PDB file of N, CA and C in Angstrom:
ATOM      1  N   MET A   1     -44.700  29.621 -91.854  1.00  0.00           N
ATOM      2  CA  MET A   1     -44.094  30.820 -90.847  1.00  0.00           C
ATOM      3  C   MET A   1     -45.274  31.215 -90.091  1.00  0.00           C
ATOM      4  N   SER A   2     -44.949  31.448 -88.750  1.00  0.00           N
ATOM      5  CA  SER A   2     -46.274  32.041 -88.083  1.00  0.00           C
ATOM      6  C   SER A   2     -45.996  33.354 -88.042  1.00  0.00           C
ATOM      7  N   GLN A   3     -47.341  33.881 -87.726  1.00  0.00           N
ATOM      8  CA  GLN A   3     -47.189  35.440 -87.478  1.00  0.00           C
ATOM      9  C   GLN A   3     -46.214  36.146 -86.646  1.00  0.00           C
ATOM     10  N   LEU A   4     -45.502  37.124 -87.011  1.00  0.00           N
ATOM     11  CA  LEU A   4     -44.407  37.463 -86.067  1.00  0.00           C
ATOM     12  C   LEU A   4     -45.218  38.885 -85.548  1.00  0.00           C
ATOM     13  N   PHE A   5     -44.835  38.983 -84.176  1.00  0.00           N
ATOM     14  CA  PHE A   5     -45.555  39.874 -83.080  1.00  0.00           C
ATOM     15  C   PHE A   5     -45.048  41.122 -83.030  1.00  0.00           C
ATOM     16  N   ASN A   6     -43.666  41.375 -82.772  1.00  0.00           N
ATOM     17  CA  ASN A   6     -43.028  42.649 -82.757  1.00  0.00           C
ATOM     18  C   ASN A   6     -41.910  42.988 -83.484  1.00  0.00           C
ATOM     19  N   GLU A   7     -41.353  44.034 -83.330  1.00  0.00           N
ATOM     20  CA  GLU A   7     -40.228  44.512 -84.343  1.00  0.00           C
ATOM     21  C   GLU A   7     -38.889  43.795 -84.071  1.00  0.00           C
ATOM     22  N   SER A   8     -38.662  43.322 -82.915  1.00  0.00           N
ATOM     23  CA  SER A   8     -37.424  42.680 -82.450  1.00  0.00           C
ATOM     24  C   SER A   8     -37.498  41.151 -83.224  1.00  0.00           C
ATOM     25  N   GLU A   9     -38.701  40.705 -83.265  1.00  0.00           N
ATOM     26  CA  GLU A   9     -39.058  39.376 -83.810  1.00  0.00           C
ATOM     27  C   GLU A   9     -38.776  39.273 -85.313  1.00  0.00           C
ATOM     28  N   GLN A  10     -39.233  40.618 -86.046  1.00  0.00           N
ATOM     29  CA  GLN A  10     -39.223  40.807 -87.211  1.00  0.00           C
ATOM     30  C   GLN A  10     -37.658  40.961 -87.695  1.00  0.00           C
ATOM     31  N   LEU A  11     -36.903  41.589 -86.880  1.00  0.00           N
ATOM     32  CA  LEU A  11     -35.560  41.892 -87.232  1.00  0.00           C
ATOM     33  C   LEU A  11     -34.833  40.512 -87.371  1.00  0.00           C
ATOM     34  N   VAL A  12     -34.822  39.636 -86.241  1.00  0.00           N
ATOM     35  CA  VAL A  12     -34.492  38.310 -86.364  1.00  0.00           C
ATOM     36  C   VAL A  12     -34.859  37.392 -87.681  1.00  0.00           C
ATOM     37  N   TYR A  13     -36.288  37.697 -87.630  1.00  0.00           N
ATOM     38  CA  TYR A  13     -36.603  36.755 -88.917  1.00  0.00           C
ATOM     39  C   TYR A  13     -36.133  37.383 -90.422  1.00  0.00           C
ATOM     40  N   ASN A  14     -36.023  38.834 -90.303  1.00  0.00           N
ATOM     41  CA  ASN A  14     -35.526  39.070 -91.745  1.00  0.00           C
ATOM     42  C   ASN A  14     -33.732  38.850 -91.793  1.00  0.00           C
ATOM     43  N   SER A  15     -33.296  38.853 -90.698  1.00  0.00           N
ATOM     44  CA  SER A  15     -31.609  38.341 -90.811  1.00  0.00           C
ATOM     45  C   SER A  15     -31.728  36.864 -91.124  1.00  0.00           C
ATOM     46  N   CYS A  16     -32.618  35.951 -90.905  1.00  0.00           N
ATOM     47  CA  CYS A  16     -32.694  34.562 -91.225  1.00  0.00           C
ATOM     48  C   CYS A  16     -33.073  34.485 -92.514  1.00  0.00           C
ATOM     49  N   LYS A  17     -34.102  35.323 -92.843  1.00  0.00           N
ATOM     50  CA  LYS A  17     -34.478  35.087 -94.316  1.00  0.00           C
ATOM     51  C   LYS A  17     -33.489  35.723 -95.262  1.00  0.00           C
ATOM     52  N   LYS A  18     -32.713  36.771 -94.941  1.00  0.00           N
ATOM     53  CA  LYS A  18     -31.674  37.073 -95.980  1.00  0.00           C
ATOM     54  C   LYS A  18     -30.426  36.236 -95.885  1.00  0.00           C
ATOM     55  N   SER A  19     -30.343  35.269 -95.118  1.00  0.00           N
ATOM     56  CA  SER A  19     -29.143  34.348 -95.050  1.00  0.00           C
ATOM     57  C   SER A  19     -29.553  32.983 -95.530  1.00  0.00           C
ATOM     58  N   PHE A  20     -28.696  31.845 -95.576  1.00  0.00           N
ATOM     59  CA  PHE A  20     -29.078  30.368 -95.823  1.00  0.00           C
ATOM     60  C   PHE A  20     -29.911  29.934 -94.655  1.00  0.00           C
ATOM     61  N   LEU A  21     -29.829  30.510 -93.571  1.00  0.00           N
ATOM     62  CA  LEU A  21     -30.499  30.102 -92.356  1.00  0.00           C
ATOM     63  C   LEU A  21     -32.142  29.928 -92.621  1.00  0.00           C
ATOM     64  N   SER A  22     -32.763  30.548 -93.580  1.00  0.00           N
ATOM     65  CA  SER A  22     -34.195  30.701 -93.954  1.00  0.00           C
ATOM     66  C   SER A  22     -34.620  29.420 -94.457  1.00  0.00           C
ATOM     67  N   LEU A  23     -33.619  28.339 -94.841  1.00  0.00           N
ATOM     68  CA  LEU A  23     -33.800  27.050 -95.507  1.00  0.00           C
ATOM     69  C   LEU A  23     -34.107  26.053 -94.349  1.00  0.00           C
ATOM     70  N   TRP A  24     -34.011  26.398 -93.079  1.00  0.00           N
ATOM     71  CA  TRP A  24     -34.221  25.586 -91.825  1.00  0.00           C
ATOM     72  C   TRP A  24     -34.752  26.191 -90.671  1.00  0.00           C
ATOM     73  N   SER A  25     -35.238  27.438 -91.030  1.00  0.00           N
ATOM     74  CA  SER A  25     -35.884  28.262 -89.771  1.00  0.00           C
ATOM     75  C   SER A  25     -37.395  28.412 -89.629  1.00  0.00           C
ATOM     76  N   TYR A  26     -37.789  28.281 -88.444  1.00  0.00           N
ATOM     77  CA  TYR A  26     -39.292  28.375 -88.198  1.00  0.00           C
ATOM     78  C   TYR A  26     -39.572  29.370 -87.350  1.00  0.00           C
ATOM     79  N   ALA A  27     -40.472  30.270 -87.676  1.00  0.00           N
ATOM     80  CA  ALA A  27     -40.756  31.452 -86.746  1.00  0.00           C
ATOM     81  C   ALA A  27     -41.928  30.989 -85.856  1.00  0.00           C
ATOM     82  N   ASN A  28     -41.735  31.546 -84.643  1.00  0.00           N
ATOM     83  CA  ASN A  28     -42.861  31.070 -83.441  1.00  0.00           C
ATOM     84  C   ASN A  28     -43.225  29.773 -83.434  1.00  0.00           C
ATOM     85  N   PRO A  29     -42.367  28.660 -83.655  1.00  0.00           N
ATOM     86  CA  PRO A  29     -43.065  27.433 -83.563  1.00  0.00           C
ATOM     87  C   PRO A  29     -43.860  26.986 -82.232  1.00  0.00           C
ATOM     88  N   ILE A  30     -44.867  26.385 -82.228  1.00  0.00           N
ATOM     89  CA  ILE A  30     -45.886  26.102 -81.359  1.00  0.00           C
ATOM     90  C   ILE A  30     -45.829  24.771 -80.868  1.00  0.00           C
ATOM     91  N   GLY A  31     -45.580  24.427 -79.480  1.00  0.00           N
ATOM     92  CA  GLY A  31     -45.357  23.298 -78.845  1.00  0.00           C
ATOM     93  C   GLY A  31     -46.639  22.426 -78.501  1.00  0.00           C
ATOM     94  N   LYS A  32     -46.570  21.450 -78.130  1.00  0.00           N
ATOM     95  CA  LYS A  32     -47.504  20.383 -77.727  1.00  0.00           C
ATOM     96  C   LYS A  32     -48.681  21.100 -76.814  1.00  0.00           C
ATOM     97  N   ASN A  33     -48.109  21.887 -75.933  1.00  0.00           N
ATOM     98  CA  ASN A  33     -48.978  22.348 -74.964  1.00  0.00           C
ATOM     99  C   ASN A  33     -49.714  23.767 -75.664  1.00  0.00           C
ATOM    100  N   SER A  34     -49.582  24.120 -76.910  1.00  0.00           N
ATOM    101  CA  SER A  34     -50.071  25.350 -77.747  1.00  0.00           C
ATOM    102  C   SER A  34     -49.276  26.454 -77.052  1.00  0.00           C
ATOM    103  N   LYS A  35     -48.210  26.453 -76.825  1.00  0.00           N
ATOM    104  CA  LYS A  35     -47.472  27.526 -76.152  1.00  0.00           C
ATOM    105  C   LYS A  35     -46.382  27.740 -77.351  1.00  0.00           C
ATOM    106  N   GLU A  36     -45.980  28.895 -77.439  1.00  0.00           N
ATOM    107  CA  GLU A  36     -44.701  29.385 -78.331  1.00  0.00           C
ATOM    108  C   GLU A  36     -43.441  28.708 -77.817  1.00  0.00           C
ATOM    109  N   LEU A  37     -42.805  28.071 -78.438  1.00  0.00           N
ATOM    110  CA  LEU A  37     -41.392  27.537 -77.910  1.00  0.00           C
ATOM    111  C   LEU A  37     -40.512  28.544 -77.849  1.00  0.00           C
ATOM    112  N   CYS A  38     -40.285  29.331 -78.987  1.00  0.00           N
ATOM    113  CA  CYS A  38     -39.369  30.379 -79.089  1.00  0.00           C
ATOM    114  C   CYS A  38     -39.784  31.317 -80.203  1.00  0.00           C
ATOM    115  N   ASP A  39     -38.749  32.157 -80.452  1.00  0.00           N
ATOM    116  CA  ASP A  39     -39.088  33.281 -81.538  1.00  0.00           C
ATOM    117  C   ASP A  39     -38.621  32.432 -83.029  1.00  0.00           C
ATOM    118  N   ILE A  40     -37.500  31.832 -82.971  1.00  0.00           N
ATOM    119  CA  ILE A  40     -36.906  31.141 -84.205  1.00  0.00           C
ATOM    120  C   ILE A  40     -36.360  29.956 -83.816  1.00  0.00           C
ATOM    121  N   LEU A  41     -36.841  28.811 -84.469  1.00  0.00           N
ATOM    122  CA  LEU A  41     -36.155  27.642 -84.263  1.00  0.00           C
ATOM    123  C   LEU A  41     -35.528  27.203 -85.430  1.00  0.00           C
ATOM    124  N   ILE A  42     -34.030  26.823 -85.535  1.00  0.00           N
ATOM    125  CA  ILE A  42     -33.375  26.593 -86.756  1.00  0.00           C
ATOM    126  C   ILE A  42     -32.866  25.137 -86.415  1.00  0.00           C
ATOM    127  N   VAL A  43     -33.424  24.287 -87.444  1.00  0.00           N
ATOM    128  CA  VAL A  43     -32.927  23.002 -87.182  1.00  0.00           C
ATOM    129  C   VAL A  43     -32.348  22.351 -88.746  1.00  0.00           C
ATOM    130  N   CYS A  44     -30.981  21.923 -88.646  1.00  0.00           N
ATOM    131  CA  CYS A  44     -30.162  21.432 -89.671  1.00  0.00           C
ATOM    132  C   CYS A  44     -29.732  20.224 -89.156  1.00  0.00           C
ATOM    133  N   TYR A  45     -30.262  19.039 -89.611  1.00  0.00           N
ATOM    134  CA  TYR A  45     -29.705  17.836 -89.171  1.00  0.00           C
ATOM    135  C   TYR A  45     -29.899  17.470 -87.896  1.00  0.00           C
ATOM    136  N   SER A  46     -28.756  17.377 -87.095  1.00  0.00           N
ATOM    137  CA  SER A  46     -28.886  17.133 -85.821  1.00  0.00           C
ATOM    138  C   SER A  46     -28.428  18.465 -84.781  1.00  0.00           C
ATOM    139  N   ASP A  47     -28.249  19.676 -85.801  1.00  0.00           N
ATOM    140  CA  ASP A  47     -27.999  20.574 -84.985  1.00  0.00           C
ATOM    141  C   ASP A  47     -29.065  21.694 -85.001  1.00  0.00           C
ATOM    142  N   ILE A  48     -29.191  22.145 -83.629  1.00  0.00           N
ATOM    143  CA  ILE A  48     -30.449  23.035 -83.385  1.00  0.00           C
ATOM    144  C   ILE A  48     -30.132  24.357 -82.788  1.00  0.00           C
ATOM    145  N   ILE A  49     -30.572  25.371 -83.315  1.00  0.00           N
ATOM    146  CA  ILE A  49     -30.278  26.808 -82.669  1.00  0.00           C
ATOM    147  C   ILE A  49     -31.665  27.330 -82.185  1.00  0.00           C
ATOM    148  N   ILE A  50     -31.754  27.849 -81.146  1.00  0.00           N
ATOM    149  CA  ILE A  50     -32.941  28.488 -80.333  1.00  0.00           C
ATOM    150  C   ILE A  50     -32.577  29.858 -80.296  1.00  0.00           C
ATOM    151  N   ILE A  51     -33.599  30.522 -80.717  1.00  0.00           N
ATOM    152  CA  ILE A  51     -33.370  32.128 -80.541  1.00  0.00           C
ATOM    153  C   ILE A  51     -34.745  32.699 -79.867  1.00  0.00           C
ATOM    154  N   SER A  52     -34.380  33.385 -78.750  1.00  0.00           N
ATOM    155  CA  SER A  52     -35.277  33.940 -78.124  1.00  0.00           C
ATOM    156  C   SER A  52     -35.060  35.445 -78.030  1.00  0.00           C
ATOM    157  N   VAL A  53     -36.005  36.271 -78.568  1.00  0.00           N
ATOM    158  CA  VAL A  53     -35.651  37.715 -78.619  1.00  0.00           C
ATOM    159  C   VAL A  53     -36.524  38.202 -77.442  1.00  0.00           C
ATOM    160  N   LYS A  54     -35.701  38.983 -76.724  1.00  0.00           N
ATOM    161  CA  LYS A  54     -36.463  40.040 -75.550  1.00  0.00           C
ATOM    162  C   LYS A  54     -36.439  41.323 -75.673  1.00  0.00           C
ATOM    163  N   ASP A  55     -37.472  41.845 -75.654  1.00  0.00           N
ATOM    164  CA  ASP A  55     -37.591  43.711 -75.799  1.00  0.00           C
ATOM    165  C   ASP A  55     -37.728  43.857 -74.306  1.00  0.00           C
ATOM    166  N   ILE A  56     -36.920  44.079 -73.422  1.00  0.00           N
ATOM    167  CA  ILE A  56     -36.839  44.466 -72.196  1.00  0.00           C
ATOM    168  C   ILE A  56     -36.091  45.736 -71.686  1.00  0.00           C
ATOM    169  N   SER A  57     -36.417  46.766 -71.505  1.00  0.00           N
ATOM    170  CA  SER A  57     -35.702  48.059 -71.135  1.00  0.00           C
ATOM    171  C   SER A  57     -35.359  47.959 -69.921  1.00  0.00           C
ATOM    172  N   ILE A  58     -34.098  48.374 -69.505  1.00  0.00           N
ATOM    173  CA  ILE A  58     -33.486  48.786 -68.113  1.00  0.00           C
ATOM    174  C   ILE A  58     -34.326  49.867 -67.535  1.00  0.00           C
ATOM    175  N   THR A  59     -34.847  49.397 -66.214  1.00  0.00           N
ATOM    176  CA  THR A  59     -35.498  50.262 -65.417  1.00  0.00           C
ATOM    177  C   THR A  59     -34.607  51.219 -64.836  1.00  0.00           C
ATOM    178  N   ASP A  60     -35.132  52.596 -65.044  1.00  0.00           N
ATOM    179  CA  ASP A  60     -34.332  53.786 -64.039  1.00  0.00           C
ATOM    180  C   ASP A  60     -34.530  53.854 -62.674  1.00  0.00           C
ATOM    181  N   SER A  61     -33.792  53.197 -61.992  1.00  0.00           N
ATOM    182  CA  SER A  61     -33.803  52.942 -60.350  1.00  0.00           C
ATOM    183  C   SER A  61     -33.033  54.039 -59.779  1.00  0.00           C
ATOM    184  N   GLY A  62     -32.185  54.918 -60.600  1.00  0.00           N
ATOM    185  CA  GLY A  62     -31.264  55.701 -60.148  1.00  0.00           C
ATOM    186  C   GLY A  62     -29.811  55.253 -59.862  1.00  0.00           C
ATOM    187  N   ASP A  63     -29.717  53.803 -59.711  1.00  0.00           N
ATOM    188  CA  ASP A  63     -28.547  53.178 -59.517  1.00  0.00           C
ATOM    189  C   ASP A  63     -28.489  51.960 -60.984  1.00  0.00           C
ATOM    190  N   ILE A  64     -27.271  52.216 -61.804  1.00  0.00           N
ATOM    191  CA  ILE A  64     -27.270  51.347 -62.767  1.00  0.00           C
ATOM    192  C   ILE A  64     -27.263  49.956 -62.548  1.00  0.00           C
ATOM    193  N   SER A  65     -26.253  49.625 -61.450  1.00  0.00           N
ATOM    194  CA  SER A  65     -26.010  48.324 -61.100  1.00  0.00           C
ATOM    195  C   SER A  65     -27.204  47.879 -60.687  1.00  0.00           C
ATOM    196  N   ILE A  66     -28.164  48.213 -59.905  1.00  0.00           N
ATOM    197  CA  ILE A  66     -29.573  47.741 -59.473  1.00  0.00           C
ATOM    198  C   ILE A  66     -30.425  47.621 -60.727  1.00  0.00           C
ATOM    199  N   GLY A  67     -30.365  48.661 -61.838  1.00  0.00           N
ATOM    200  CA  GLY A  67     -31.169  48.236 -63.029  1.00  0.00           C
ATOM    201  C   GLY A  67     -30.671  47.211 -63.851  1.00  0.00           C
ATOM    202  N   TRP A  68     -29.390  47.049 -63.836  1.00  0.00           N
ATOM    203  CA  TRP A  68     -28.751  45.817 -64.779  1.00  0.00           C
ATOM    204  C   TRP A  68     -29.258  44.641 -64.048  1.00  0.00           C
ATOM    205  N   LYS A  69     -29.117  44.357 -62.582  1.00  0.00           N
ATOM    206  CA  LYS A  69     -29.385  43.064 -61.995  1.00  0.00           C
ATOM    207  C   LYS A  69     -30.887  43.071 -62.259  1.00  0.00           C
ATOM    208  N   GLN A  70     -31.798  43.969 -62.278  1.00  0.00           N
ATOM    209  CA  GLN A  70     -33.211  43.443 -62.374  1.00  0.00           C
ATOM    210  C   GLN A  70     -33.514  43.370 -64.135  1.00  0.00           C
ATOM    211  N   TRP A  71     -32.754  44.090 -64.810  1.00  0.00           N
ATOM    212  CA  TRP A  71     -32.840  43.514 -66.365  1.00  0.00           C
ATOM    213  C   TRP A  71     -32.543  42.251 -66.574  1.00  0.00           C
ATOM    214  N   ARG A  72     -31.019  41.904 -66.035  1.00  0.00           N
ATOM    215  CA  ARG A  72     -30.790  40.495 -66.273  1.00  0.00           C
ATOM    216  C   ARG A  72     -31.829  39.290 -65.738  1.00  0.00           C
ATOM    217  N   LYS A  73     -32.333  39.816 -64.680  1.00  0.00           N
ATOM    218  CA  LYS A  73     -33.306  38.645 -64.120  1.00  0.00           C
ATOM    219  C   LYS A  73     -34.699  38.596 -64.925  1.00  0.00           C
ATOM    220  N   ARG A  74     -35.007  39.579 -65.408  1.00  0.00           N
ATOM    221  CA  ARG A  74     -36.214  39.658 -66.268  1.00  0.00           C
ATOM    222  C   ARG A  74     -35.766  39.237 -67.729  1.00  0.00           C
ATOM    223  N   ALA A  75     -34.683  39.373 -68.172  1.00  0.00           N
ATOM    224  CA  ALA A  75     -34.495  39.289 -69.817  1.00  0.00           C
ATOM    225  C   ALA A  75     -33.761  38.158 -69.951  1.00  0.00           C
ATOM    226  N   ILE A  76     -32.874  37.519 -68.956  1.00  0.00           N
ATOM    227  CA  ILE A  76     -31.999  36.462 -69.188  1.00  0.00           C
ATOM    228  C   ILE A  76     -32.439  35.199 -68.374  1.00  0.00           C
ATOM    229  N   ASP A  77     -32.143  35.669 -66.997  1.00  0.00           N
ATOM    230  CA  ASP A  77     -32.617  34.344 -66.015  1.00  0.00           C
ATOM    231  C   ASP A  77     -33.985  33.808 -66.063  1.00  0.00           C
ATOM    232  N   ALA A  78     -35.008  34.550 -66.141  1.00  0.00           N
ATOM    233  CA  ALA A  78     -36.533  34.098 -66.454  1.00  0.00           C
ATOM    234  C   ALA A  78     -36.571  33.063 -67.413  1.00  0.00           C
ATOM    235  N   SER A  79     -36.031  33.254 -68.498  1.00  0.00           N
ATOM    236  CA  SER A  79     -36.026  32.267 -69.568  1.00  0.00           C
ATOM    237  C   SER A  79     -34.931  31.075 -69.614  1.00  0.00           C
ATOM    238  N   GLN A  80     -34.127  31.100 -68.823  1.00  0.00           N
ATOM    239  CA  GLN A  80     -33.048  30.251 -69.069  1.00  0.00           C
ATOM    240  C   GLN A  80     -33.697  28.864 -68.761  1.00  0.00           C
ATOM    241  N   ASN A  81     -34.399  28.672 -67.747  1.00  0.00           N
ATOM    242  CA  ASN A  81     -34.708  27.439 -67.216  1.00  0.00           C
ATOM    243  C   ASN A  81     -35.674  26.784 -68.342  1.00  0.00           C
ATOM    244  N   ARG A  82     -36.681  27.820 -68.890  1.00  0.00           N
ATOM    245  CA  ARG A  82     -37.520  27.457 -70.037  1.00  0.00           C
ATOM    246  C   ARG A  82     -36.939  26.825 -71.270  1.00  0.00           C
ATOM    247  N   TYR A  83     -35.647  27.486 -71.689  1.00  0.00           N
ATOM    248  CA  TYR A  83     -35.066  26.904 -72.737  1.00  0.00           C
ATOM    249  C   TYR A  83     -34.126  25.632 -72.364  1.00  0.00           C
ATOM    250  N   MET A  84     -33.745  25.542 -71.174  1.00  0.00           N
ATOM    251  CA  MET A  84     -32.991  24.370 -71.015  1.00  0.00           C
ATOM    252  C   MET A  84     -33.948  23.256 -71.107  1.00  0.00           C
ATOM    253  N   GLU A  85     -35.399  23.303 -70.619  1.00  0.00           N
ATOM    254  CA  GLU A  85     -36.367  22.420 -70.805  1.00  0.00           C
ATOM    255  C   GLU A  85     -36.698  21.946 -72.212  1.00  0.00           C
ATOM    256  N   LEU A  86     -36.728  23.142 -73.060  1.00  0.00           N
ATOM    257  CA  LEU A  86     -37.035  22.909 -74.492  1.00  0.00           C
ATOM    258  C   LEU A  86     -35.711  22.123 -74.973  1.00  0.00           C
ATOM    259  N   ASN A  87     -34.655  22.510 -74.514  1.00  0.00           N
ATOM    260  CA  ASN A  87     -33.490  21.777 -75.100  1.00  0.00           C
ATOM    261  C   ASN A  87     -33.617  20.306 -74.858  1.00  0.00           C
ATOM    262  N   ASP A  88     -33.881  20.111 -73.589  1.00  0.00           N
ATOM    263  CA  ASP A  88     -33.968  18.553 -72.922  1.00  0.00           C
ATOM    264  C   ASP A  88     -35.057  18.028 -73.720  1.00  0.00           C
ATOM    265  N   GLY A  89     -36.120  18.471 -73.981  1.00  0.00           N
ATOM    266  CA  GLY A  89     -37.303  17.726 -74.972  1.00  0.00           C
ATOM    267  C   GLY A  89     -36.830  17.631 -76.298  1.00  0.00           C
ATOM    268  N   LEU A  90     -36.238  18.533 -76.646  1.00  0.00           N
ATOM    269  CA  LEU A  90     -35.682  18.125 -78.122  1.00  0.00           C
ATOM    270  C   LEU A  90     -34.716  17.147 -78.385  1.00  0.00           C
ATOM    271  N   LYS A  91     -33.960  16.940 -77.193  1.00  0.00           N
ATOM    272  CA  LYS A  91     -32.885  15.944 -77.239  1.00  0.00           C
ATOM    273  C   LYS A  91     -33.723  14.529 -77.225  1.00  0.00           C
ATOM    274  N   GLU A  92     -34.744  14.477 -76.268  1.00  0.00           N
ATOM    275  CA  GLU A  92     -35.601  13.463 -76.033  1.00  0.00           C
ATOM    276  C   GLU A  92     -36.384  13.038 -77.242  1.00  0.00           C
ATOM    277  N   THR A  93     -36.699  13.843 -77.969  1.00  0.00           N
ATOM    278  CA  THR A  93     -37.418  13.704 -79.358  1.00  0.00           C
ATOM    279  C   THR A  93     -36.417  13.284 -80.301  1.00  0.00           C
ATOM    280  N   ALA A  94     -35.123  13.562 -80.300  1.00  0.00           N
ATOM    281  CA  ALA A  94     -34.203  13.084 -81.290  1.00  0.00           C
ATOM    282  C   ALA A  94     -33.768  11.695 -81.115  1.00  0.00           C
ATOM    283  N   THR A  95     -33.930  10.999 -80.013  1.00  0.00           N
ATOM    284  CA  THR A  95     -33.587   9.872 -79.809  1.00  0.00           C
ATOM    285  C   THR A  95     -34.609   8.729 -79.742  1.00  0.00           C
TER     286      THR A  95
END
């Protein structure tokens, strides 16, 4: 297991450790380009679970709908393409 960097990653890692998932989980796996692929990678046969923990707060803009949209953009949308590429790369490796 790689070193865990924050409280959110530690929470996810401990959840995996307390369950059967610890047998197949890898914390902070590093890819070919020496960058972290995700926070937890779980591989069991042909099944793969990618867990990415985000510790991003909603900005107080005075309007919750604007704050929510900004949070979603930073927390979800920004990571979506990265993990779709990771998923595609894992599929290519498996074939």
